[in-house]
Amino acid sequence: MSDNVVKFRRIEKQPEPPVKKPRGPLPGWVPFLVLVVIAVAIYFAQQSGLLGGR
């Protein structure tokens, strides 16, 4: 019976690339800073006439 058994060779796995460490949560001031930057960008766009300002 052992003559009918097909022996398989284990497939060698490639080593997985190192996983980047997840960054911690954003500091609390980052969303506020983003809003301020967007507001300043809109203000300057209006002043320059890009958004139909003056």
N, C-alpha and C. Protein backbone atom coordinates (compact mmCIF):
# COMPACT_ATOMS: atom_id res chain seq x y z
N MET A 1 0.82 -1.20 0.00
CA MET A 1 0.00 0.00 0.00
C MET A 1 0.86 1.26 0.00
N SER A 2 2.01 1.21 0.63
CA SER A 2 2.81 2.43 0.72
C SER A 2 3.38 2.84 -0.64
N ASP A 3 3.33 1.96 -1.63
CA ASP A 3 3.82 2.32 -2.95
C ASP A 3 2.90 3.31 -3.65
N ASN A 4 1.63 3.35 -3.26
CA ASN A 4 0.65 4.21 -3.91
C ASN A 4 0.61 5.61 -3.29
N VAL A 5 1.39 5.88 -2.27
CA VAL A 5 1.35 7.17 -1.59
C VAL A 5 2.26 8.14 -2.32
N VAL A 6 1.73 9.30 -2.65
CA VAL A 6 2.52 10.33 -3.30
C VAL A 6 3.06 11.26 -2.21
N LYS A 7 4.36 11.40 -2.19
CA LYS A 7 4.96 12.25 -1.17
C LYS A 7 5.13 13.65 -1.74
N PHE A 8 4.67 14.63 -0.97
CA PHE A 8 4.76 16.02 -1.40
C PHE A 8 5.86 16.72 -0.62
N ARG A 9 6.54 17.60 -1.30
CA ARG A 9 7.56 18.40 -0.65
C ARG A 9 6.92 19.70 -0.21
N ARG A 10 7.21 20.15 1.01
CA ARG A 10 6.64 21.39 1.51
C ARG A 10 7.17 22.56 0.69
N ILE A 11 6.28 23.46 0.37
CA ILE A 11 6.67 24.65 -0.38
C ILE A 11 7.32 25.62 0.59
N GLU A 12 8.52 26.08 0.23
CA GLU A 12 9.21 27.02 1.10
C GLU A 12 8.58 28.40 0.94
N LYS A 13 8.19 28.99 2.07
CA LYS A 13 7.56 30.30 2.04
C LYS A 13 8.61 31.40 1.99
N GLN A 14 8.29 32.45 1.23
CA GLN A 14 9.17 33.61 1.21
C GLN A 14 9.02 34.32 2.56
N PRO A 15 10.09 34.85 3.10
CA PRO A 15 9.93 35.60 4.36
C PRO A 15 9.09 36.85 4.11
N GLU A 16 8.16 37.12 5.03
CA GLU A 16 7.27 38.27 4.86
C GLU A 16 8.05 39.56 5.09
N PRO A 17 7.76 40.59 4.30
CA PRO A 17 8.46 41.87 4.51
C PRO A 17 8.10 42.43 5.88
N PRO A 18 9.00 43.18 6.49
CA PRO A 18 8.70 43.73 7.81
C PRO A 18 7.51 44.69 7.73
N VAL A 19 6.64 44.61 8.70
CA VAL A 19 5.44 45.43 8.72
C VAL A 19 5.79 46.77 9.37
N LYS A 20 5.33 47.87 8.73
CA LYS A 20 5.59 49.19 9.30
C LYS A 20 4.81 49.32 10.60
N LYS A 21 5.43 49.94 11.56
CA LYS A 21 4.77 50.14 12.84
C LYS A 21 3.63 51.13 12.65
N PRO A 22 2.44 50.81 13.16
CA PRO A 22 1.34 51.77 13.02
C PRO A 22 1.61 53.00 13.86
N ARG A 23 1.28 54.14 13.30
CA ARG A 23 1.48 55.39 14.03
C ARG A 23 0.40 55.50 15.10
N GLY A 24 0.75 56.20 16.14
CA GLY A 24 -0.20 56.43 17.21
C GLY A 24 -1.29 57.38 16.73
N PRO A 25 -2.28 57.60 17.55
CA PRO A 25 -3.33 58.54 17.15
C PRO A 25 -2.77 59.95 17.00
N LEU A 26 -3.41 60.73 16.15
CA LEU A 26 -2.95 62.10 15.90
C LEU A 26 -3.12 62.95 17.16
N PRO A 27 -2.23 63.88 17.36
CA PRO A 27 -2.42 64.79 18.49
C PRO A 27 -3.72 65.59 18.31
N GLY A 28 -4.26 66.08 19.42
CA GLY A 28 -5.55 66.76 19.37
C GLY A 28 -5.54 68.05 18.59
N TRP A 29 -4.38 68.68 18.40
CA TRP A 29 -4.32 69.97 17.72
C TRP A 29 -4.27 69.84 16.20
N VAL A 30 -4.08 68.64 15.67
CA VAL A 30 -3.94 68.48 14.22
C VAL A 30 -5.23 68.84 13.46
N PRO A 31 -6.41 68.38 13.87
CA PRO A 31 -7.62 68.78 13.12
C PRO A 31 -7.84 70.29 13.15
N PHE A 32 -7.54 70.92 14.28
CA PHE A 32 -7.68 72.38 14.38
C PHE A 32 -6.73 73.06 13.40
N LEU A 33 -5.50 72.58 13.34
CA LEU A 33 -4.52 73.16 12.43
C LEU A 33 -4.96 73.00 10.97
N VAL A 34 -5.52 71.86 10.65
CA VAL A 34 -5.99 71.63 9.27
C VAL A 34 -7.10 72.62 8.92
N LEU A 35 -8.03 72.83 9.85
CA LEU A 35 -9.11 73.78 9.59
C LEU A 35 -8.57 75.20 9.40
N VAL A 36 -7.59 75.59 10.20
CA VAL A 36 -7.01 76.93 10.08
C VAL A 36 -6.31 77.08 8.73
N VAL A 37 -5.57 76.07 8.32
CA VAL A 37 -4.86 76.13 7.03
C VAL A 37 -5.86 76.24 5.88
N ILE A 38 -6.95 75.48 5.95
CA ILE A 38 -7.96 75.55 4.89
C ILE A 38 -8.60 76.94 4.86
N ALA A 39 -8.91 77.49 6.05
CA ALA A 39 -9.52 78.81 6.11
C ALA A 39 -8.59 79.87 5.54
N VAL A 40 -7.31 79.80 5.85
CA VAL A 40 -6.35 80.78 5.34
C VAL A 40 -6.21 80.64 3.82
N ALA A 41 -6.22 79.42 3.33
CA ALA A 41 -6.11 79.20 1.88
C ALA A 41 -7.32 79.77 1.17
N ILE A 42 -8.53 79.58 1.73
CA ILE A 42 -9.73 80.13 1.12
C ILE A 42 -9.68 81.66 1.16
N TYR A 43 -9.22 82.21 2.26
CA TYR A 43 -9.13 83.68 2.39
C TYR A 43 -8.22 84.26 1.30
N PHE A 44 -7.04 83.67 1.16
CA PHE A 44 -6.11 84.20 0.15
C PHE A 44 -6.62 83.97 -1.27
N ALA A 45 -7.34 82.87 -1.49
CA ALA A 45 -7.91 82.63 -2.82
C ALA A 45 -8.97 83.68 -3.13
N GLN A 46 -9.77 84.07 -2.13
CA GLN A 46 -10.76 85.12 -2.35
C GLN A 46 -10.10 86.47 -2.59
N GLN A 47 -9.06 86.76 -1.85
CA GLN A 47 -8.37 88.05 -2.01
C GLN A 47 -7.72 88.17 -3.38
N SER A 48 -7.25 87.05 -3.90
CA SER A 48 -6.60 87.10 -5.21
C SER A 48 -7.60 87.06 -6.36
N GLY A 49 -8.87 86.82 -6.05
CA GLY A 49 -9.89 86.82 -7.09
C GLY A 49 -10.16 85.46 -7.69
N LEU A 50 -9.57 84.42 -7.15
CA LEU A 50 -9.78 83.08 -7.73
C LEU A 50 -11.18 82.55 -7.44
N LEU A 51 -11.77 82.98 -6.31
CA LEU A 51 -13.08 82.45 -5.93
C LEU A 51 -14.18 83.49 -6.10
N GLY A 52 -13.96 84.46 -6.89
CA GLY A 52 -14.98 85.47 -7.14
C GLY A 52 -15.06 86.50 -6.04
N GLY A 53 -13.96 86.72 -5.36
CA GLY A 53 -13.91 87.75 -4.32
C GLY A 53 -13.93 89.13 -4.96
N ARG A 54 -13.30 90.07 -4.37
CA ARG A 54 -13.29 91.46 -4.86
C ARG A 54 -12.97 91.55 -6.32
